[in-house]
Protein backbone atom coordinates (compact mmCIF):
# COMPACT_ATOMS: atom_id res chain seq x y z
CA MET A 1 -38.49 -15.55 -24.62
CA ASN A 2 -38.87 -18.93 -26.28
CA HIS A 3 -42.17 -20.53 -27.35
CA VAL A 4 -42.36 -22.82 -24.36
CA ASP A 5 -41.80 -20.12 -21.78
CA LYS A 6 -44.22 -17.79 -23.54
CA ALA A 7 -46.92 -20.50 -23.62
CA VAL A 8 -46.53 -21.28 -19.96
CA GLU A 9 -46.55 -17.59 -19.12
CA LEU A 10 -49.75 -16.96 -21.12
CA TYR A 11 -51.42 -19.89 -19.46
CA GLY A 12 -50.36 -18.54 -16.06
CA GLN A 13 -52.00 -15.22 -16.93
CA GLY A 14 -55.31 -17.00 -17.22
CA PHE A 15 -55.59 -17.78 -20.91
CA TYR A 16 -56.79 -21.19 -21.97
CA CYS A 17 -54.28 -23.85 -22.88
CA SER A 18 -55.23 -23.61 -26.58
CA GLN A 19 -54.75 -19.85 -26.56
CA ALA A 20 -51.44 -20.04 -24.71
CA VAL A 21 -49.82 -22.50 -27.11
CA PHE A 22 -51.09 -20.93 -30.36
CA ALA A 23 -50.28 -17.33 -29.26
CA ALA A 24 -46.76 -18.33 -28.18
CA PHE A 25 -45.94 -18.89 -31.88
CA ALA A 26 -48.07 -16.07 -33.29
CA GLU A 27 -45.33 -13.65 -34.31
CA GLU A 28 -43.36 -16.05 -36.45
CA LEU A 29 -46.59 -17.30 -38.02
CA GLY A 30 -47.47 -13.76 -39.22
CA LEU A 31 -50.23 -13.16 -36.62
CA ASP A 32 -50.34 -10.69 -33.80
CA GLU A 33 -50.86 -12.06 -30.34
CA LYS A 34 -54.38 -10.65 -30.05
CA GLN A 35 -55.48 -12.50 -33.21
CA ALA A 36 -53.97 -15.75 -31.98
CA LEU A 37 -55.57 -15.41 -28.57
CA LYS A 38 -58.94 -14.81 -30.16
CA VAL A 39 -58.66 -17.76 -32.58
CA GLY A 40 -57.69 -20.08 -29.77
CA SER A 41 -60.36 -18.99 -27.37
CA CYS A 42 -62.96 -21.67 -28.14
CA PHE A 43 -60.64 -24.64 -27.94
CA GLY A 44 -59.68 -24.77 -24.26
CA GLY A 45 -60.74 -27.64 -22.06
CA GLY A 46 -61.00 -29.94 -25.04
CA MET A 47 -63.39 -27.56 -26.82
CA CYS A 48 -65.24 -27.12 -23.54
CA LYS A 49 -66.19 -30.85 -23.70
CA GLY A 50 -63.04 -32.64 -22.45
CA GLU A 51 -62.22 -33.85 -25.97
CA VAL A 52 -58.80 -33.25 -27.59
CA CYS A 53 -56.71 -31.35 -25.09
CA GLY A 54 -56.65 -27.59 -25.79
CA ALA A 55 -52.89 -27.49 -25.59
CA CYS A 56 -52.94 -29.99 -28.46
CA THR A 57 -55.39 -27.99 -30.53
CA GLY A 58 -53.24 -24.87 -30.03
CA ALA A 59 -50.24 -26.81 -31.27
CA LEU A 60 -52.21 -28.21 -34.19
CA MET A 61 -53.19 -24.67 -35.18
CA VAL A 62 -49.46 -23.80 -35.12
CA LEU A 63 -48.69 -26.75 -37.39
CA GLY A 64 -51.60 -25.83 -39.62
CA MET A 65 -50.27 -22.30 -40.02
CA LYS A 66 -46.78 -23.60 -40.76
CA TYR A 67 -47.59 -26.53 -43.02
CA GLY A 68 -51.27 -26.19 -43.94
CA ARG A 69 -52.85 -26.19 -47.36
CA TYR A 70 -54.37 -23.06 -48.84
CA ILE A 71 -54.65 -24.19 -52.47
CA ALA A 72 -57.54 -26.60 -52.93
CA ASP A 73 -55.78 -29.23 -55.01
CA ASP A 74 -52.39 -29.09 -53.32
CA TRP A 75 -52.55 -32.61 -51.83
CA ASP A 76 -48.80 -32.84 -51.28
CA VAL A 77 -49.01 -29.97 -48.86
CA GLN A 78 -52.04 -31.48 -47.16
CA THR A 79 -50.24 -34.84 -46.80
CA LYS A 80 -47.36 -33.00 -45.08
CA ALA A 81 -49.80 -31.18 -42.75
CA ASN A 82 -51.56 -34.42 -41.90
CA ASP A 83 -48.23 -36.13 -41.21
CA MET A 84 -47.25 -33.37 -38.87
CA ALA A 85 -50.53 -33.51 -37.02
CA LEU A 86 -50.23 -37.27 -36.58
CA LYS A 87 -46.62 -36.99 -35.40
CA PHE A 88 -47.62 -34.33 -32.91
CA LEU A 89 -50.52 -36.37 -31.49
CA GLU A 90 -48.44 -39.49 -31.31
CA GLN A 91 -45.57 -37.75 -29.46
CA PHE A 92 -47.91 -35.95 -27.13
CA GLY A 93 -49.81 -39.13 -26.34
CA GLU A 94 -46.55 -41.04 -25.70
CA GLU A 95 -45.25 -38.28 -23.46
CA ASN A 96 -48.47 -37.68 -21.48
CA GLY A 97 -50.47 -40.91 -21.74
CA SER A 98 -53.23 -39.46 -23.96
CA TYR A 99 -54.24 -36.40 -25.88
CA ILE A 100 -57.87 -36.46 -24.68
CA CYS A 101 -58.47 -33.86 -22.00
CA ASN A 102 -60.83 -35.94 -19.83
CA GLU A 103 -58.38 -38.84 -19.87
CA LEU A 104 -55.42 -36.54 -18.97
CA LEU A 105 -57.40 -34.99 -16.13
CA GLY A 106 -59.12 -38.20 -14.95
CA CYS A 107 -62.53 -36.54 -14.86
CA ASP A 108 -65.24 -35.27 -17.15
CA ILE A 109 -64.79 -31.50 -17.18
CA ALA A 110 -67.92 -31.09 -19.32
CA ALA A 111 -69.94 -31.99 -16.20
CA PRO A 112 -70.11 -29.56 -13.26
CA GLU A 113 -68.92 -32.23 -10.82
CA GLY A 114 -65.96 -33.05 -13.05
CA LYS A 115 -64.96 -29.43 -13.33
CA ALA A 116 -65.29 -29.09 -9.51
CA TYR A 117 -63.10 -32.21 -9.10
CA ALA A 118 -60.44 -30.70 -11.39
CA ARG A 119 -60.47 -27.45 -9.44
CA GLU A 120 -60.40 -29.15 -6.05
CA HIS A 121 -57.47 -31.33 -7.10
CA ARG A 122 -55.67 -28.34 -8.64
CA LEU A 123 -55.44 -30.03 -12.04
CA PHE A 124 -55.88 -26.77 -13.98
CA SER A 125 -53.09 -25.13 -12.03
CA GLU A 126 -50.67 -27.99 -11.54
CA LEU A 127 -51.18 -30.51 -14.41
CA CYS A 128 -52.36 -28.28 -17.26
CA PRO A 129 -49.22 -26.05 -17.25
CA LYS A 130 -47.15 -29.15 -17.75
CA LEU A 131 -49.37 -30.15 -20.72
CA VAL A 132 -49.05 -26.64 -22.18
CA GLU A 133 -45.26 -26.94 -21.82
CA SER A 134 -45.25 -30.41 -23.45
CA ALA A 135 -47.40 -29.31 -26.38
CA ALA A 136 -45.25 -26.25 -27.05
CA LYS A 137 -42.01 -28.26 -26.85
CA ILE A 138 -43.29 -30.85 -29.28
CA ALA A 139 -44.63 -28.20 -31.70
CA GLU A 140 -41.36 -26.35 -31.55
CA ARG A 141 -39.42 -29.51 -32.38
CA LEU A 142 -41.68 -30.25 -35.32
CA ILE A 143 -41.37 -26.79 -36.90
CA GLU A 144 -37.59 -26.67 -36.65
């Protein structure tokens, strides 16, 4: 199963968007799926505040694992990681209109009425899987 299909499948099982995208890449990043699901668990729904889309944060974690800096003064590596993050956010924003969760959903999911609106309009079940798919596709392109 490819990364995109795996991410959509995990989201469909009830995992957050951030978990689904990050865990879809876990094996090739040297993590087991359980670790990736746990790491991604606090980033869904724009960090529970409608901020940066969780599918994006999951993808940014993938890019960090692939290109991130682990030696304090390795600024060439950090520059590459930053470039990848910016490319990802630019491409996701172009493809989806934004990378901010509340803007993508058209409501403030940090507020109870916003979350109710999103549920009533099936945004979590109809729009979010498309955003998970988009984030996984873009991340996959960037790591190839």
